Amino acid sequence: MKSLSALSGLFGATLKIQPTSVATEAAFREVVLGSPIPVIVNVWSSTCAPCKQQAPILVDLATTRQGKIRVVEIATTAEPALLAELGIQATPTTLIYDKGAEVGRVTGFRPKSWFDEMIKVELTR
């Protein structure tokens, strides 16, 4: 039997990669700080309209940049200590990590073009 990814190619569909969900400090240390590739972290809330607009852009980034950049999401329902440690005050907040260090942060909706430019400037040096 063929794999889903092989079958999706037959029909012209691309299998979408979802961002990795993180909800604890331990998972954050492992998945984000321990990542061998750059990480885009999106902190979101289910009641946030800009967060809902941002979601398909992040799925697209996770899909098209798979293996080069990891996309992680943290809901505002995550451990309060994790959100406090990250200094989250609004959603969506996007944090950029490279080699375990935060190299950028922005609050509010950003279009795909912003992510493409940021990746080009900040993460492909």
PDB file of N, CA and C in Angstrom:
ATOM      1  N   MET A   1       0.832  -1.174   0.000  1.00  0.00           N
ATOM      2  CA  MET A   1       0.000   0.000   0.000  1.00  0.00           C
ATOM      3  C   MET A   1       0.882   1.244   0.000  1.00  0.00           C
ATOM      4  N   LYS A   2       0.527   2.244  -0.785  1.00  0.00           N
ATOM      5  CA  LYS A   2       1.319   3.466  -0.874  1.00  0.00           C
ATOM      6  C   LYS A   2       1.084   4.349   0.350  1.00  0.00           C
ATOM      7  N   SER A   3       2.097   5.139   0.678  1.00  0.00           N
ATOM      8  CA  SER A   3       1.958   6.056   1.808  1.00  0.00           C
ATOM      9  C   SER A   3       1.049   7.220   1.422  1.00  0.00           C
ATOM     10  N   LEU A   4       0.558   7.932   2.436  1.00  0.00           N
ATOM     11  CA  LEU A   4      -0.297   9.096   2.177  1.00  0.00           C
ATOM     12  C   LEU A   4       0.423  10.145   1.351  1.00  0.00           C
ATOM     13  N   SER A   5       1.703  10.374   1.645  1.00  0.00           N
ATOM     14  CA  SER A   5       2.423  11.394   0.896  1.00  0.00           C
ATOM     15  C   SER A   5       2.589  10.986  -0.565  1.00  0.00           C
ATOM     16  N   ALA A   6       2.783   9.704  -0.837  1.00  0.00           N
ATOM     17  CA  ALA A   6       2.881   9.242  -2.219  1.00  0.00           C
ATOM     18  C   ALA A   6       1.541   9.388  -2.915  1.00  0.00           C
ATOM     19  N   LEU A   7       0.464   9.059  -2.227  1.00  0.00           N
ATOM     20  CA  LEU A   7      -0.865   9.186  -2.810  1.00  0.00           C
ATOM     21  C   LEU A   7      -1.244  10.639  -3.053  1.00  0.00           C
ATOM     22  N   SER A   8      -0.843  11.531  -2.151  1.00  0.00           N
ATOM     23  CA  SER A   8      -1.185  12.933  -2.334  1.00  0.00           C
ATOM     24  C   SER A   8      -0.526  13.477  -3.595  1.00  0.00           C
ATOM     25  N   GLY A   9       0.668  12.982  -3.927  1.00  0.00           N
ATOM     26  CA  GLY A   9       1.344  13.406  -5.142  1.00  0.00           C
ATOM     27  C   GLY A   9       0.596  13.003  -6.396  1.00  0.00           C
ATOM     28  N   LEU A  10      -0.089  11.871  -6.342  1.00  0.00           N
ATOM     29  CA  LEU A  10      -0.868  11.416  -7.488  1.00  0.00           C
ATOM     30  C   LEU A  10      -2.020  12.352  -7.815  1.00  0.00           C
ATOM     31  N   PHE A  11      -2.554  12.994  -6.827  1.00  0.00           N
ATOM     32  CA  PHE A  11      -3.712  13.853  -7.013  1.00  0.00           C
ATOM     33  C   PHE A  11      -3.351  15.333  -6.986  1.00  0.00           C
ATOM     34  N   GLY A  12      -2.086  15.655  -6.977  1.00  0.00           N
ATOM     35  CA  GLY A  12      -1.641  17.037  -7.001  1.00  0.00           C
ATOM     36  C   GLY A  12      -1.782  17.758  -5.668  1.00  0.00           C
ATOM     37  N   ALA A  13      -2.148  17.063  -4.637  1.00  0.00           N
ATOM     38  CA  ALA A  13      -2.307  17.688  -3.326  1.00  0.00           C
ATOM     39  C   ALA A  13      -0.992  17.610  -2.556  1.00  0.00           C
ATOM     40  N   THR A  14      -0.778  18.579  -1.727  1.00  0.00           N
ATOM     41  CA  THR A  14       0.390  18.577  -0.862  1.00  0.00           C
ATOM     42  C   THR A  14      -0.074  18.298   0.557  1.00  0.00           C
ATOM     43  N   LEU A  15       0.565  17.352   1.198  1.00  0.00           N
ATOM     44  CA  LEU A  15       0.244  17.040   2.575  1.00  0.00           C
ATOM     45  C   LEU A  15       0.682  18.219   3.444  1.00  0.00           C
ATOM     46  N   LYS A  16      -0.220  18.782   4.207  1.00  0.00           N
ATOM     47  CA  LYS A  16       0.068  19.949   5.043  1.00  0.00           C
ATOM     48  C   LYS A  16       0.712  19.508   6.349  1.00  0.00           C
ATOM     49  N   ILE A  17       1.760  20.202   6.726  1.00  0.00           N
ATOM     50  CA  ILE A  17       2.458  19.949   7.980  1.00  0.00           C
ATOM     51  C   ILE A  17       1.940  20.957   9.003  1.00  0.00           C
ATOM     52  N   GLN A  18       1.455  20.466  10.109  1.00  0.00           N
ATOM     53  CA  GLN A  18       0.943  21.332  11.170  1.00  0.00           C
ATOM     54  C   GLN A  18       2.087  21.757  12.087  1.00  0.00           C
ATOM     55  N   PRO A  19       2.018  22.975  12.622  1.00  0.00           N
ATOM     56  CA  PRO A  19       3.017  23.377  13.613  1.00  0.00           C
ATOM     57  C   PRO A  19       3.005  22.413  14.809  1.00  0.00           C
ATOM     58  N   THR A  20       4.138  22.256  15.435  1.00  0.00           N
ATOM     59  CA  THR A  20       4.265  21.417  16.619  1.00  0.00           C
ATOM     60  C   THR A  20       3.709  22.169  17.818  1.00  0.00           C
ATOM     61  N   SER A  21       2.812  21.545  18.561  1.00  0.00           N
ATOM     62  CA  SER A  21       2.232  22.174  19.750  1.00  0.00           C
ATOM     63  C   SER A  21       3.129  21.944  20.960  1.00  0.00           C
ATOM     64  N   VAL A  22       3.341  23.013  21.730  1.00  0.00           N
ATOM     65  CA  VAL A  22       4.131  22.958  22.956  1.00  0.00           C
ATOM     66  C   VAL A  22       3.300  23.599  24.061  1.00  0.00           C
ATOM     67  N   ALA A  23       3.245  22.972  25.233  1.00  0.00           N
ATOM     68  CA  ALA A  23       2.425  23.512  26.315  1.00  0.00           C
ATOM     69  C   ALA A  23       3.140  23.558  27.661  1.00  0.00           C
ATOM     70  N   THR A  24       4.377  23.023  27.723  1.00  0.00           N
ATOM     71  CA  THR A  24       5.096  22.997  28.998  1.00  0.00           C
ATOM     72  C   THR A  24       6.498  23.578  28.836  1.00  0.00           C
ATOM     73  N   GLU A  25       7.070  23.989  29.960  1.00  0.00           N
ATOM     74  CA  GLU A  25       8.441  24.502  29.924  1.00  0.00           C
ATOM     75  C   GLU A  25       9.415  23.431  29.445  1.00  0.00           C
ATOM     76  N   ALA A  26       9.221  22.199  29.899  1.00  0.00           N
ATOM     77  CA  ALA A  26      10.113  21.096  29.497  1.00  0.00           C
ATOM     78  C   ALA A  26      10.035  20.865  27.994  1.00  0.00           C
ATOM     79  N   ALA A  27       8.839  20.853  27.445  1.00  0.00           N
ATOM     80  CA  ALA A  27       8.680  20.660  25.998  1.00  0.00           C
ATOM     81  C   ALA A  27       9.294  21.831  25.232  1.00  0.00           C
ATOM     82  N   PHE A  28       9.153  23.041  25.742  1.00  0.00           N
ATOM     83  CA  PHE A  28       9.735  24.221  25.099  1.00  0.00           C
ATOM     84  C   PHE A  28      11.258  24.092  25.045  1.00  0.00           C
ATOM     85  N   ARG A  29      11.850  23.696  26.161  1.00  0.00           N
ATOM     86  CA  ARG A  29      13.316  23.529  26.184  1.00  0.00           C
ATOM     87  C   ARG A  29      13.763  22.489  25.158  1.00  0.00           C
ATOM     88  N   GLU A  30      13.037  21.386  25.095  1.00  0.00           N
ATOM     89  CA  GLU A  30      13.409  20.311  24.168  1.00  0.00           C
ATOM     90  C   GLU A  30      13.170  20.697  22.707  1.00  0.00           C
ATOM     91  N   VAL A  31      11.961  21.138  22.398  1.00  0.00           N
ATOM     92  CA  VAL A  31      11.561  21.351  21.007  1.00  0.00           C
ATOM     93  C   VAL A  31      12.122  22.643  20.423  1.00  0.00           C
ATOM     94  N   VAL A  32      12.142  23.704  21.209  1.00  0.00           N
ATOM     95  CA  VAL A  32      12.574  25.014  20.690  1.00  0.00           C
ATOM     96  C   VAL A  32      14.049  25.263  20.977  1.00  0.00           C
ATOM     97  N   LEU A  33      14.406  25.270  22.242  1.00  0.00           N
ATOM     98  CA  LEU A  33      15.794  25.597  22.599  1.00  0.00           C
ATOM     99  C   LEU A  33      16.774  24.522  22.154  1.00  0.00           C
ATOM    100  N   GLY A  34      16.321  23.276  22.068  1.00  0.00           N
ATOM    101  CA  GLY A  34      17.187  22.181  21.649  1.00  0.00           C
ATOM    102  C   GLY A  34      17.163  21.895  20.158  1.00  0.00           C
ATOM    103  N   SER A  35      16.461  22.713  19.394  1.00  0.00           N
ATOM    104  CA  SER A  35      16.328  22.451  17.960  1.00  0.00           C
ATOM    105  C   SER A  35      17.623  22.732  17.193  1.00  0.00           C
ATOM    106  N   PRO A  36      18.018  21.817  16.312  1.00  0.00           N
ATOM    107  CA  PRO A  36      19.206  22.055  15.496  1.00  0.00           C
ATOM    108  C   PRO A  36      18.931  23.019  14.332  1.00  0.00           C
ATOM    109  N   ILE A  37      17.656  23.317  14.078  1.00  0.00           N
ATOM    110  CA  ILE A  37      17.280  24.253  13.013  1.00  0.00           C
ATOM    111  C   ILE A  37      16.528  25.436  13.629  1.00  0.00           C
ATOM    112  N   PRO A  38      16.470  26.573  12.926  1.00  0.00           N
ATOM    113  CA  PRO A  38      15.740  27.731  13.450  1.00  0.00           C
ATOM    114  C   PRO A  38      14.270  27.399  13.712  1.00  0.00           C
ATOM    115  N   VAL A  39      13.692  28.125  14.680  1.00  0.00           N
ATOM    116  CA  VAL A  39      12.310  27.872  15.091  1.00  0.00           C
ATOM    117  C   VAL A  39      11.506  29.174  15.082  1.00  0.00           C
ATOM    118  N   ILE A  40      10.329  29.099  14.490  1.00  0.00           N
ATOM    119  CA  ILE A  40       9.352  30.181  14.572  1.00  0.00           C
ATOM    120  C   ILE A  40       8.301  29.721  15.574  1.00  0.00           C
ATOM    121  N   VAL A  41       8.126  30.489  16.645  1.00  0.00           N
ATOM    122  CA  VAL A  41       7.160  30.157  17.689  1.00  0.00           C
ATOM    123  C   VAL A  41       6.001  31.137  17.601  1.00  0.00           C
ATOM    124  N   ASN A  42       4.797  30.616  17.496  1.00  0.00           N
ATOM    125  CA  ASN A  42       3.602  31.442  17.449  1.00  0.00           C
ATOM    126  C   ASN A  42       2.798  31.217  18.724  1.00  0.00           C
ATOM    127  N   VAL A  43       2.590  32.294  19.494  1.00  0.00           N
ATOM    128  CA  VAL A  43       1.756  32.212  20.693  1.00  0.00           C
ATOM    129  C   VAL A  43       0.397  32.776  20.301  1.00  0.00           C
ATOM    130  N   TRP A  44      -0.650  31.970  20.535  1.00  0.00           N
ATOM    131  CA  TRP A  44      -1.970  32.308  20.020  1.00  0.00           C
ATOM    132  C   TRP A  44      -3.071  32.021  21.042  1.00  0.00           C
ATOM    133  N   SER A  45      -4.241  32.549  20.734  1.00  0.00           N
ATOM    134  CA  SER A  45      -5.426  32.319  21.549  1.00  0.00           C
ATOM    135  C   SER A  45      -6.578  31.928  20.623  1.00  0.00           C
ATOM    136  N   SER A  46      -7.424  31.043  21.091  1.00  0.00           N
ATOM    137  CA  SER A  46      -8.555  30.594  20.264  1.00  0.00           C
ATOM    138  C   SER A  46      -9.596  31.688  20.049  1.00  0.00           C
ATOM    139  N   THR A  47      -9.554  32.752  20.835  1.00  0.00           N
ATOM    140  CA  THR A  47     -10.516  33.844  20.685  1.00  0.00           C
ATOM    141  C   THR A  47      -9.939  35.039  19.929  1.00  0.00           C
ATOM    142  N   CYS A  48      -8.761  34.895  19.384  1.00  0.00           N
ATOM    143  CA  CYS A  48      -8.040  35.988  18.726  1.00  0.00           C
ATOM    144  C   CYS A  48      -8.222  35.904  17.207  1.00  0.00           C
ATOM    145  N   ALA A  49      -8.905  36.892  16.624  1.00  0.00           N
ATOM    146  CA  ALA A  49      -9.135  36.898  15.175  1.00  0.00           C
ATOM    147  C   ALA A  49      -7.832  36.961  14.369  1.00  0.00           C
ATOM    148  N   PRO A  50      -6.868  37.839  14.721  1.00  0.00           N
ATOM    149  CA  PRO A  50      -5.609  37.845  13.979  1.00  0.00           C
ATOM    150  C   PRO A  50      -4.865  36.506  14.063  1.00  0.00           C
ATOM    151  N   CYS A  51      -5.027  35.798  15.190  1.00  0.00           N
ATOM    152  CA  CYS A  51      -4.399  34.482  15.341  1.00  0.00           C
ATOM    153  C   CYS A  51      -4.971  33.505  14.320  1.00  0.00           C
ATOM    154  N   LYS A  52      -6.273  33.584  14.103  1.00  0.00           N
ATOM    155  CA  LYS A  52      -6.932  32.706  13.133  1.00  0.00           C
ATOM    156  C   LYS A  52      -6.480  33.028  11.719  1.00  0.00           C
ATOM    157  N   GLN A  53      -6.213  34.298  11.421  1.00  0.00           N
ATOM    158  CA  GLN A  53      -5.687  34.689  10.111  1.00  0.00           C
ATOM    159  C   GLN A  53      -4.259  34.181   9.921  1.00  0.00           C
ATOM    160  N   GLN A  54      -3.493  34.182  11.002  1.00  0.00           N
ATOM    161  CA  GLN A  54      -2.080  33.787  10.961  1.00  0.00           C
ATOM    162  C   GLN A  54      -1.916  32.278  10.774  1.00  0.00           C
ATOM    163  N   ALA A  55      -2.866  31.489  11.275  1.00  0.00           N
ATOM    164  CA  ALA A  55      -2.738  30.027  11.295  1.00  0.00           C
ATOM    165  C   ALA A  55      -2.410  29.413   9.936  1.00  0.00           C
ATOM    166  N   PRO A  56      -3.132  29.737   8.841  1.00  0.00           N
ATOM    167  CA  PRO A  56      -2.789  29.099   7.558  1.00  0.00           C
ATOM    168  C   PRO A  56      -1.408  29.503   7.034  1.00  0.00           C
ATOM    169  N   ILE A  57      -0.959  30.689   7.384  1.00  0.00           N
ATOM    170  CA  ILE A  57       0.383  31.133   6.975  1.00  0.00           C
ATOM    171  C   ILE A  57       1.433  30.262   7.658  1.00  0.00           C
ATOM    172  N   LEU A  58       1.220  29.961   8.923  1.00  0.00           N
ATOM    173  CA  LEU A  58       2.170  29.128   9.665  1.00  0.00           C
ATOM    174  C   LEU A  58       2.153  27.683   9.180  1.00  0.00           C
ATOM    175  N   VAL A  59       0.991  27.177   8.815  1.00  0.00           N
ATOM    176  CA  VAL A  59       0.902  25.827   8.232  1.00  0.00           C
ATOM    177  C   VAL A  59       1.676  25.810   6.910  1.00  0.00           C
ATOM    178  N   ASP A  60       1.515  26.848   6.117  1.00  0.00           N
ATOM    179  CA  ASP A  60       2.242  26.935   4.844  1.00  0.00           C
ATOM    180  C   ASP A  60       3.754  26.961   5.086  1.00  0.00           C
ATOM    181  N   LEU A  61       4.204  27.741   6.059  1.00  0.00           N
ATOM    182  CA  LEU A  61       5.636  27.785   6.383  1.00  0.00           C
ATOM    183  C   LEU A  61       6.141  26.426   6.853  1.00  0.00           C
ATOM    184  N   ALA A  62       5.375  25.777   7.727  1.00  0.00           N
ATOM    185  CA  ALA A  62       5.769  24.450   8.221  1.00  0.00           C
ATOM    186  C   ALA A  62       5.863  23.455   7.073  1.00  0.00           C
ATOM    187  N   THR A  63       4.981  23.595   6.097  1.00  0.00           N
ATOM    188  CA  THR A  63       4.948  22.672   4.961  1.00  0.00           C
ATOM    189  C   THR A  63       6.064  22.956   3.966  1.00  0.00           C
ATOM    190  N   THR A  64       6.206  24.213   3.558  1.00  0.00           N
ATOM    191  CA  THR A  64       7.165  24.556   2.501  1.00  0.00           C
ATOM    192  C   THR A  64       8.609  24.626   2.991  1.00  0.00           C
ATOM    193  N   ARG A  65       8.804  24.824   4.278  1.00  0.00           N
ATOM    194  CA  ARG A  65      10.165  24.941   4.822  1.00  0.00           C
ATOM    195  C   ARG A  65      10.527  23.763   5.716  1.00  0.00           C
ATOM    196  N   GLN A  66       9.794  22.664   5.567  1.00  0.00           N
ATOM    197  CA  GLN A  66      10.024  21.477   6.388  1.00  0.00           C
ATOM    198  C   GLN A  66      11.488  21.051   6.307  1.00  0.00           C
ATOM    199  N   GLY A  67      12.078  20.802   7.464  1.00  0.00           N
ATOM    200  CA  GLY A  67      13.474  20.383   7.525  1.00  0.00           C
ATOM    201  C   GLY A  67      14.455  21.537   7.583  1.00  0.00           C
ATOM    202  N   LYS A  68      14.006  22.745   7.253  1.00  0.00           N
ATOM    203  CA  LYS A  68      14.877  23.926   7.281  1.00  0.00           C
ATOM    204  C   LYS A  68      14.519  24.850   8.436  1.00  0.00           C
ATOM    205  N   ILE A  69      13.217  24.900   8.742  1.00  0.00           N
ATOM    206  CA  ILE A  69      12.706  25.722   9.836  1.00  0.00           C
ATOM    207  C   ILE A  69      11.611  24.939  10.526  1.00  0.00           C
ATOM    208  N   ARG A  70      11.607  24.961  11.837  1.00  0.00           N
ATOM    209  CA  ARG A  70      10.541  24.313  12.601  1.00  0.00           C
ATOM    210  C   ARG A  70       9.536  25.393  12.998  1.00  0.00           C
ATOM    211  N   VAL A  71       8.255  25.078  12.894  1.00  0.00           N
ATOM    212  CA  VAL A  71       7.199  25.993  13.322  1.00  0.00           C
ATOM    213  C   VAL A  71       6.514  25.371  14.538  1.00  0.00           C
ATOM    214  N   VAL A  72       6.441  26.168  15.604  1.00  0.00           N
ATOM    215  CA  VAL A  72       5.889  25.713  16.878  1.00  0.00           C
ATOM    216  C   VAL A  72       4.769  26.661  17.282  1.00  0.00           C
ATOM    217  N   GLU A  73       3.720  26.094  17.886  1.00  0.00           N
ATOM    218  CA  GLU A  73       2.647  26.936  18.406  1.00  0.00           C
ATOM    219  C   GLU A  73       2.486  26.693  19.895  1.00  0.00           C
ATOM    220  N   ILE A  74       2.186  27.786  20.603  1.00  0.00           N
ATOM    221  CA  ILE A  74       1.918  27.723  22.031  1.00  0.00           C
ATOM    222  C   ILE A  74       0.601  28.439  22.262  1.00  0.00           C
ATOM    223  N   ALA A  75      -0.387  27.734  22.767  1.00  0.00           N
ATOM    224  CA  ALA A  75      -1.682  28.340  23.065  1.00  0.00           C
ATOM    225  C   ALA A  75      -1.609  29.068  24.405  1.00  0.00           C
ATOM    226  N   THR A  76      -2.480  30.046  24.584  1.00  0.00           N
ATOM    227  CA  THR A  76      -2.500  30.775  25.856  1.00  0.00           C
ATOM    228  C   THR A  76      -3.011  29.911  27.003  1.00  0.00           C
ATOM    229  N   THR A  77      -3.419  28.692  26.683  1.00  0.00           N
ATOM    230  CA  THR A  77      -3.819  27.728  27.715  1.00  0.00           C
ATOM    231  C   THR A  77      -2.628  26.890  28.183  1.00  0.00           C
ATOM    232  N   ALA A  78      -1.436  27.175  27.684  1.00  0.00           N
ATOM    233  CA  ALA A  78      -0.218  26.458  28.097  1.00  0.00           C
ATOM    234  C   ALA A  78       0.095  26.802  29.555  1.00  0.00           C
ATOM    235  N   GLU A  79       1.119  26.136  30.089  1.00  0.00           N
ATOM    236  CA  GLU A  79       1.543  26.408  31.467  1.00  0.00           C
ATOM    237  C   GLU A  79       1.749  27.908  31.667  1.00  0.00           C
ATOM    238  N   PRO A  80       1.104  28.483  32.680  1.00  0.00           N
ATOM    239  CA  PRO A  80       1.289  29.915  32.953  1.00  0.00           C
ATOM    240  C   PRO A  80       2.763  30.288  33.155  1.00  0.00           C
ATOM    241  N   ALA A  81       3.541  29.389  33.745  1.00  0.00           N
ATOM    242  CA  ALA A  81       4.969  29.666  33.962  1.00  0.00           C
ATOM    243  C   ALA A  81       5.704  29.823  32.632  1.00  0.00           C
ATOM    244  N   LEU A  82       5.323  29.033  31.636  1.00  0.00           N
ATOM    245  CA  LEU A  82       5.959  29.138  30.315  1.00  0.00           C
ATOM    246  C   LEU A  82       5.627  30.486  29.685  1.00  0.00           C
ATOM    247  N   LEU A  83       4.358  30.870  29.717  1.00  0.00           N
ATOM    248  CA  LEU A  83       3.944  32.154  29.137  1.00  0.00           C
ATOM    249  C   LEU A  83       4.612  33.318  29.864  1.00  0.00           C
ATOM    250  N   ALA A  84       4.737  33.215  31.175  1.00  0.00           N
ATOM    251  CA  ALA A  84       5.409  34.262  31.955  1.00  0.00           C
ATOM    252  C   ALA A  84       6.891  34.329  31.605  1.00  0.00           C
ATOM    253  N   GLU A  85       7.519  33.163  31.498  1.00  0.00           N
ATOM    254  CA  GLU A  85       8.950  33.105  31.147  1.00  0.00           C
ATOM    255  C   GLU A  85       9.201  33.763  29.793  1.00  0.00           C
ATOM    256  N   LEU A  86       8.269  33.585  28.875  1.00  0.00           N
ATOM    257  CA  LEU A  86       8.410  34.159  27.537  1.00  0.00           C
ATOM    258  C   LEU A  86       7.992  35.631  27.485  1.00  0.00           C
ATOM    259  N   GLY A  87       7.371  36.117  28.548  1.00  0.00           N
ATOM    260  CA  GLY A  87       6.959  37.517  28.589  1.00  0.00           C
ATOM    261  C   GLY A  87       5.817  37.834  27.631  1.00  0.00           C
ATOM    262  N   ILE A  88       4.900  36.903  27.478  1.00  0.00           N
ATOM    263  CA  ILE A  88       3.786  37.087  26.540  1.00  0.00           C
ATOM    264  C   ILE A  88       2.758  38.034  27.145  1.00  0.00           C
ATOM    265  N   GLN A  89       2.423  39.087  26.391  1.00  0.00           N
ATOM    266  CA  GLN A  89       1.446  40.067  26.856  1.00  0.00           C
ATOM    267  C   GLN A  89       0.289  40.235  25.892  1.00  0.00           C
ATOM    268  N   ALA A  90       0.421  39.730  24.674  1.00  0.00           N
ATOM    269  CA  ALA A  90      -0.640  39.863  23.671  1.00  0.00           C
ATOM    270  C   ALA A  90      -0.504  38.733  22.656  1.00  0.00           C
ATOM    271  N   THR A  91      -1.600  38.507  21.922  1.00  0.00           N
ATOM    272  CA  THR A  91      -1.566  37.501  20.853  1.00  0.00           C
ATOM    273  C   THR A  91      -2.036  38.134  19.552  1.00  0.00           C
ATOM    274  N   PRO A  92      -1.546  37.638  18.438  1.00  0.00           N
ATOM    275  CA  PRO A  92      -0.463  36.659  18.328  1.00  0.00           C
ATOM    276  C   PRO A  92       0.890  37.316  18.599  1.00  0.00           C
ATOM    277  N   THR A  93       1.750  36.569  19.226  1.00  0.00           N
ATOM    278  CA  THR A  93       3.148  36.974  19.393  1.00  0.00           C
ATOM    279  C   THR A  93       3.994  35.927  18.688  1.00  0.00           C
ATOM    280  N   THR A  94       4.898  36.387  17.837  1.00  0.00           N
ATOM    281  CA  THR A  94       5.789  35.499  17.107  1.00  0.00           C
ATOM    282  C   THR A  94       7.200  35.698  17.639  1.00  0.00           C
ATOM    283  N   LEU A  95       7.819  34.604  18.037  1.00  0.00           N
ATOM    284  CA  LEU A  95       9.190  34.612  18.533  1.00  0.00           C
ATOM    285  C   LEU A  95      10.046  33.820  17.555  1.00  0.00           C
ATOM    286  N   ILE A  96      11.233  34.300  17.301  1.00  0.00           N
ATOM    287  CA  ILE A  96      12.158  33.625  16.383  1.00  0.00           C
ATOM    288  C   ILE A  96      13.370  33.168  17.185  1.00  0.00           C
ATOM    289  N   TYR A  97      13.686  31.879  17.077  1.00  0.00           N
ATOM    290  CA  TYR A  97      14.834  31.303  17.777  1.00  0.00           C
ATOM    291  C   TYR A  97      15.810  30.711  16.774  1.00  0.00           C
ATOM    292  N   ASP A  98      17.085  30.927  17.044  1.00  0.00           N
ATOM    293  CA  ASP A  98      18.140  30.327  16.232  1.00  0.00           C
ATOM    294  C   ASP A  98      19.244  29.882  17.188  1.00  0.00           C
ATOM    295  N   LYS A  99      19.611  28.633  17.097  1.00  0.00           N
ATOM    296  CA  LYS A  99      20.644  28.047  17.962  1.00  0.00           C
ATOM    297  C   LYS A  99      20.303  28.233  19.447  1.00  0.00           C
ATOM    298  N   GLY A 100      19.022  28.096  19.781  1.00  0.00           N
ATOM    299  CA  GLY A 100      18.582  28.153  21.168  1.00  0.00           C
ATOM    300  C   GLY A 100      18.426  29.538  21.752  1.00  0.00           C
ATOM    301  N   ALA A 101      18.659  30.580  20.954  1.00  0.00           N
ATOM    302  CA  ALA A 101      18.547  31.948  21.455  1.00  0.00           C
ATOM    303  C   ALA A 101      17.450  32.700  20.701  1.00  0.00           C
ATOM    304  N   GLU A 102      16.722  33.529  21.429  1.00  0.00           N
ATOM    305  CA  GLU A 102      15.708  34.363  20.775  1.00  0.00           C
ATOM    306  C   GLU A 102      16.411  35.446  19.961  1.00  0.00           C
ATOM    307  N   VAL A 103      16.083  35.524  18.676  1.00  0.00           N
ATOM    308  CA  VAL A 103      16.703  36.517  17.798  1.00  0.00           C
ATOM    309  C   VAL A 103      15.693  37.533  17.267  1.00  0.00           C
ATOM    310  N   GLY A 104      14.432  37.338  17.605  1.00  0.00           N
ATOM    311  CA  GLY A 104      13.426  38.286  17.157  1.00  0.00           C
ATOM    312  C   GLY A 104      12.088  38.040  17.819  1.00  0.00           C
ATOM    313  N   ARG A 105      11.263  39.110  17.838  1.00  0.00           N
ATOM    314  CA  ARG A 105       9.939  39.024  18.446  1.00  0.00           C
ATOM    315  C   ARG A 105       9.078  40.109  17.828  1.00  0.00           C
ATOM    316  N   VAL A 106       7.828  39.754  17.542  1.00  0.00           N
ATOM    317  CA  VAL A 106       6.877  40.719  17.009  1.00  0.00           C
ATOM    318  C   VAL A 106       5.485  40.330  17.495  1.00  0.00           C
ATOM    319  N   THR A 107       4.671  41.333  17.747  1.00  0.00           N
ATOM    320  CA  THR A 107       3.299  41.093  18.180  1.00  0.00           C
ATOM    321  C   THR A 107       2.356  41.580  17.087  1.00  0.00           C
ATOM    322  N   GLY A 108       1.304  40.814  16.859  1.00  0.00           N
ATOM    323  CA  GLY A 108       0.316  41.178  15.851  1.00  0.00           C
ATOM    324  C   GLY A 108       0.433  40.328  14.609  1.00  0.00           C
ATOM    325  N   PHE A 109      -0.594  40.396  13.773  1.00  0.00           N
ATOM    326  CA  PHE A 109      -0.639  39.637  12.526  1.00  0.00           C
ATOM    327  C   PHE A 109       0.476  40.080  11.590  1.00  0.00           C
ATOM    328  N   ARG A 110       1.084  39.127  10.910  1.00  0.00           N
ATOM    329  CA  ARG A 110       2.088  39.397   9.881  1.00  0.00           C
ATOM    330  C   ARG A 110       1.740  38.567   8.651  1.00  0.00           C
ATOM    331  N   PRO A 111       1.816  39.167   7.457  1.00  0.00           N
ATOM    332  CA  PRO A 111       1.524  38.413   6.228  1.00  0.00           C
ATOM    333  C   PRO A 111       2.673  37.468   5.879  1.00  0.00           C
ATOM    334  N   LYS A 112       2.414  36.567   4.966  1.00  0.00           N
ATOM    335  CA  LYS A 112       3.433  35.589   4.538  1.00  0.00           C
ATOM    336  C   LYS A 112       4.689  36.293   4.037  1.00  0.00           C
ATOM    337  N   SER A 113       4.516  37.421   3.338  1.00  0.00           N
ATOM    338  CA  SER A 113       5.675  38.150   2.801  1.00  0.00           C
ATOM    339  C   SER A 113       6.609  38.604   3.927  1.00  0.00           C
ATOM    340  N   TRP A 114       6.052  38.959   5.081  1.00  0.00           N
ATOM    341  CA  TRP A 114       6.879  39.358   6.210  1.00  0.00           C
ATOM    342  C   TRP A 114       7.733  38.173   6.680  1.00  0.00           C
ATOM    343  N   PHE A 115       7.101  36.995   6.798  1.00  0.00           N
ATOM    344  CA  PHE A 115       7.836  35.801   7.229  1.00  0.00           C
ATOM    345  C   PHE A 115       8.928  35.450   6.220  1.00  0.00           C
ATOM    346  N   ASP A 116       8.610  35.517   4.931  1.00  0.00           N
ATOM    347  CA  ASP A 116       9.602  35.205   3.906  1.00  0.00           C
ATOM    348  C   ASP A 116      10.814  36.132   4.011  1.00  0.00           C
ATOM    349  N   GLU A 117      10.568  37.417   4.188  1.00  0.00           N
ATOM    350  CA  GLU A 117      11.659  38.392   4.305  1.00  0.00           C
ATOM    351  C   GLU A 117      12.446  38.177   5.589  1.00  0.00           C
ATOM    352  N   MET A 118      11.745  37.947   6.701  1.00  0.00           N
ATOM    353  CA  MET A 118      12.415  37.719   7.978  1.00  0.00           C
ATOM    354  C   MET A 118      13.310  36.484   7.904  1.00  0.00           C
ATOM    355  N   ILE A 119      12.822  35.425   7.304  1.00  0.00           N
ATOM    356  CA  ILE A 119      13.617  34.200   7.159  1.00  0.00           C
ATOM    357  C   ILE A 119      14.854  34.484   6.321  1.00  0.00           C
ATOM    358  N   LYS A 120      14.677  35.213   5.240  1.00  0.00           N
ATOM    359  CA  LYS A 120      15.794  35.546   4.352  1.00  0.00           C
ATOM    360  C   LYS A 120      16.855  36.372   5.086  1.00  0.00           C
ATOM    361  N   VAL A 121      16.410  37.349   5.868  1.00  0.00           N
ATOM    362  CA  VAL A 121      17.345  38.260   6.536  1.00  0.00           C
ATOM    363  C   VAL A 121      17.926  37.670   7.825  1.00  0.00           C
ATOM    364  N   GLU A 122      17.075  37.069   8.647  1.00  0.00           N
ATOM    365  CA  GLU A 122      17.498  36.634   9.979  1.00  0.00           C
ATOM    366  C   GLU A 122      18.012  35.205  10.069  1.00  0.00           C
ATOM    367  N   LEU A 123      17.490  34.318   9.219  1.00  0.00           N
ATOM    368  CA  LEU A 123      17.768  32.898   9.440  1.00  0.00           C
ATOM    369  C   LEU A 123      18.570  32.216   8.340  1.00  0.00           C
ATOM    370  N   THR A 124      18.953  32.926   7.326  1.00  0.00           N
ATOM    371  CA  THR A 124      19.766  32.295   6.275  1.00  0.00           C
ATOM    372  C   THR A 124      21.086  33.024   6.096  1.00  0.00           C
ATOM    373  N   ARG A 125      21.623  33.482   7.209  1.00  0.00           N
ATOM    374  CA  ARG A 125      22.916  34.186   7.162  1.00  0.00           C
ATOM    375  C   ARG A 125      24.055  33.236   6.977  1.00  0.00           C
TER     376      ARG A 125
END
